[in-house]
Protein backbone atom coordinates (compact mmCIF):
# COMPACT_ATOMS: atom_id res chain seq x y z
CA MET A 1 173.25 109.70 134.04
CA SER A 2 173.71 112.08 131.13
CA ARG A 3 172.65 109.44 128.61
CA LEU A 4 169.47 108.82 130.56
CA CYS A 5 168.75 112.56 130.67
CA ASP A 6 169.41 112.80 126.93
CA SER A 7 167.03 109.89 126.29
CA ILE A 8 164.29 111.41 128.42
CA GLU A 9 164.75 114.79 126.72
CA GLU A 10 164.60 113.31 123.22
CA PHE A 11 161.52 111.25 124.13
CA ILE A 12 159.67 114.31 125.44
CA LYS A 13 160.70 116.41 122.42
CA ALA A 14 159.45 113.70 120.06
CA LEU A 15 156.11 113.61 121.88
CA ILE A 16 155.82 117.39 121.67
CA THR A 17 156.55 117.30 117.94
CA GLU A 18 153.91 114.59 117.38
CA THR A 19 151.28 116.56 119.27
CA GLU A 20 152.04 119.89 117.60
CA GLY A 21 153.63 121.66 120.52
CA GLN A 22 152.12 120.49 123.81
CA ILE A 23 151.94 117.35 125.93
CA ASP A 24 150.52 116.36 129.28
CA ILE A 25 152.57 113.73 131.05
CA GLN A 26 152.43 111.92 134.35
CA ARG A 27 155.81 112.10 136.05
CA ASN A 28 155.49 108.67 137.70
CA GLU A 29 154.45 106.95 134.46
CA LEU A 30 157.39 108.48 132.62
CA ALA A 31 159.73 107.45 135.44
CA ASP A 32 158.38 103.87 135.23
CA TYR A 33 158.90 103.87 131.46
CA PHE A 34 162.55 104.92 131.83
CA ARG A 35 163.06 102.86 135.01
CA CYS A 36 164.28 105.83 136.98
CA VAL A 37 163.16 107.82 139.98
CA PRO A 38 160.58 110.59 139.45
CA SER A 39 163.08 113.21 140.57
CA GLN A 40 165.12 112.35 137.45
CA ILE A 41 162.15 113.44 135.34
CA ASN A 42 161.93 116.65 137.37
CA TYR A 43 165.63 117.28 136.77
CA VAL A 44 165.28 116.90 133.00
CA LEU A 45 162.19 119.12 132.90
CA SER A 46 163.74 121.84 135.05
CA THR A 47 167.07 121.96 133.21
CA ARG A 48 166.22 121.16 129.60
CA PHE A 49 162.71 122.55 129.16
CA THR A 50 163.16 126.12 130.36
CA LEU A 51 161.88 129.43 129.03
CA ASP A 52 165.37 130.16 127.70
CA ARG A 53 165.07 127.02 125.61
CA GLY A 54 161.61 127.92 124.38
CA TYR A 55 159.42 125.80 126.67
CA TYR A 56 156.81 126.56 129.28
CA ILE A 57 155.97 124.05 132.02
CA GLU A 58 152.96 123.97 134.29
CA SER A 59 152.00 121.29 136.74
CA ARG A 60 148.92 120.16 138.56
CA ARG A 61 149.41 118.22 141.74
CA GLY A 62 147.24 115.50 143.20
CA GLY A 63 145.98 112.09 142.15
CA GLY A 64 145.03 113.14 138.64
CA GLY A 65 147.95 115.53 138.41
CA TYR A 66 150.03 116.06 135.33
CA ILE A 67 152.89 118.07 133.97
CA ARG A 68 152.13 120.07 130.83
CA VAL A 69 155.07 120.92 128.59
CA ARG A 70 154.42 123.47 125.89
CA ARG A 71 156.82 124.56 123.16
CA LEU A 72 156.59 128.30 122.64
CA ASN A 73 156.49 129.85 119.19
CA ILE A 74 159.34 132.29 119.20
CA ASP A 75 159.47 135.26 116.85
CA LYS A 76 163.05 135.43 115.60
CA ASP A 77 163.73 139.15 115.86
CA GLU A 78 161.80 139.59 119.10
CA TYR A 79 163.65 136.68 120.73
CA LEU A 80 167.07 137.88 119.60
CA LEU A 81 166.44 141.42 120.79
CA HIS A 82 165.27 140.01 124.13
CA LEU A 83 168.53 138.08 124.43
CA ILE A 84 170.62 141.15 123.72
CA THR A 85 168.71 143.57 125.95
CA SER A 86 167.61 141.37 128.84
CA ARG A 87 169.26 137.97 129.09
CA ILE A 88 172.91 138.35 128.22
CA GLY A 89 173.97 141.38 130.22
CA VAL A 90 177.67 142.10 130.70
CA SER A 91 178.61 138.54 131.62
CA LEU A 92 177.59 135.16 130.19
CA THR A 93 178.54 131.63 131.21
CA GLN A 94 179.32 128.99 128.63
CA GLU A 95 176.41 126.85 129.85
CA THR A 96 173.90 129.68 129.42
CA ALA A 97 175.27 130.60 126.00
CA ASP A 98 175.06 126.96 124.88
CA SER A 99 171.46 126.78 126.08
CA MET A 100 170.50 129.91 124.15
CA ILE A 101 172.25 128.65 121.03
CA GLU A 102 170.41 125.32 121.24
CA THR A 103 167.11 127.18 121.53
CA MET A 104 167.90 129.25 118.46
CA ALA A 105 168.72 126.09 116.52
CA ASP A 106 165.63 124.23 117.79
CA GLN A 107 163.44 127.18 116.77
CA LYS A 108 165.21 127.30 113.37
CA ILE A 109 166.43 130.84 113.97
CA ILE A 110 169.88 129.55 113.06
CA THR A 111 171.02 126.35 111.37
CA HIS A 112 172.64 123.51 113.27
CA ARG A 113 175.89 124.33 111.48
CA GLU A 114 175.69 127.95 112.65
CA ALA A 115 174.92 126.69 116.17
CA ALA A 116 178.05 124.53 116.12
CA ILE A 117 180.16 127.49 115.00
CA MET A 118 178.66 129.76 117.67
CA LYS A 119 179.27 127.15 120.37
CA THR A 120 182.90 126.89 119.29
CA VAL A 121 183.33 130.66 119.51
CA VAL A 122 181.87 130.94 123.04
CA ASN A 123 183.63 127.82 124.34
CA ASP A 124 185.98 128.30 127.31
CA LYS A 125 188.79 126.71 125.29
CA SER A 126 188.40 129.31 122.52
CA ILE A 127 188.63 132.24 124.91
CA SER A 128 192.24 132.18 126.07
CA LEU A 129 191.95 134.69 128.86
CA PRO A 130 191.95 134.61 132.65
CA ALA A 131 188.76 133.10 134.09
CA SER A 132 187.66 136.45 135.48
CA MET A 133 187.44 137.90 131.95
CA LYS A 134 186.00 134.94 130.00
CA ASN A 135 182.32 135.56 130.78
CA VAL A 136 182.59 139.26 129.90
CA ILE A 137 184.28 138.54 126.57
CA ARG A 138 181.83 135.70 125.88
CA ALA A 139 178.86 138.08 126.40
CA ASN A 140 180.33 140.59 123.95
CA LEU A 141 181.08 137.90 121.36
CA PHE A 142 177.61 136.41 121.71
CA LYS A 143 175.92 139.80 121.35
CA SER A 144 177.95 140.47 118.21
CA MET A 145 176.96 137.11 116.70
CA ILE A 146 173.28 137.76 117.47
CA MET A 147 173.51 141.20 115.84
CA GLY A 148 174.93 139.44 112.78
CA VAL A 149 171.95 137.04 112.74
CA LEU A 150 169.53 139.97 113.07
CA ALA A 151 171.18 141.73 110.13
CA VAL A 152 170.55 138.79 107.80
């Protein structure tokens, strides 16, 4: 299932890039194209096109309904400060950190190489502590890395 989700995500991202930041899609048509159920499209949209990842989704129901996916233009410093002050908090899961890192790379706030390094640092395997402490340490490490990006 993950490969299908990856394919759907890449397809939607390519469409957004071609149309300079916004697309209107019909969920059923996209599901037919990928030969999957419409709920699979919903899953991809709700997990991979979130505000944290720099996307805004709106939908219109009914016969002529559509789903509009819009890529947000993120100001580097404003976004990073928002992460530090509002999103990270005192605890951060690996999944959430990875999502934020991917957004920073997609928005060219950091390079893909820097993203890979950051993901390695916040990975559960890199934090050799009891599970109860990992998310707290991860949040502190992630905040420190973001402060380093802001300083550049």
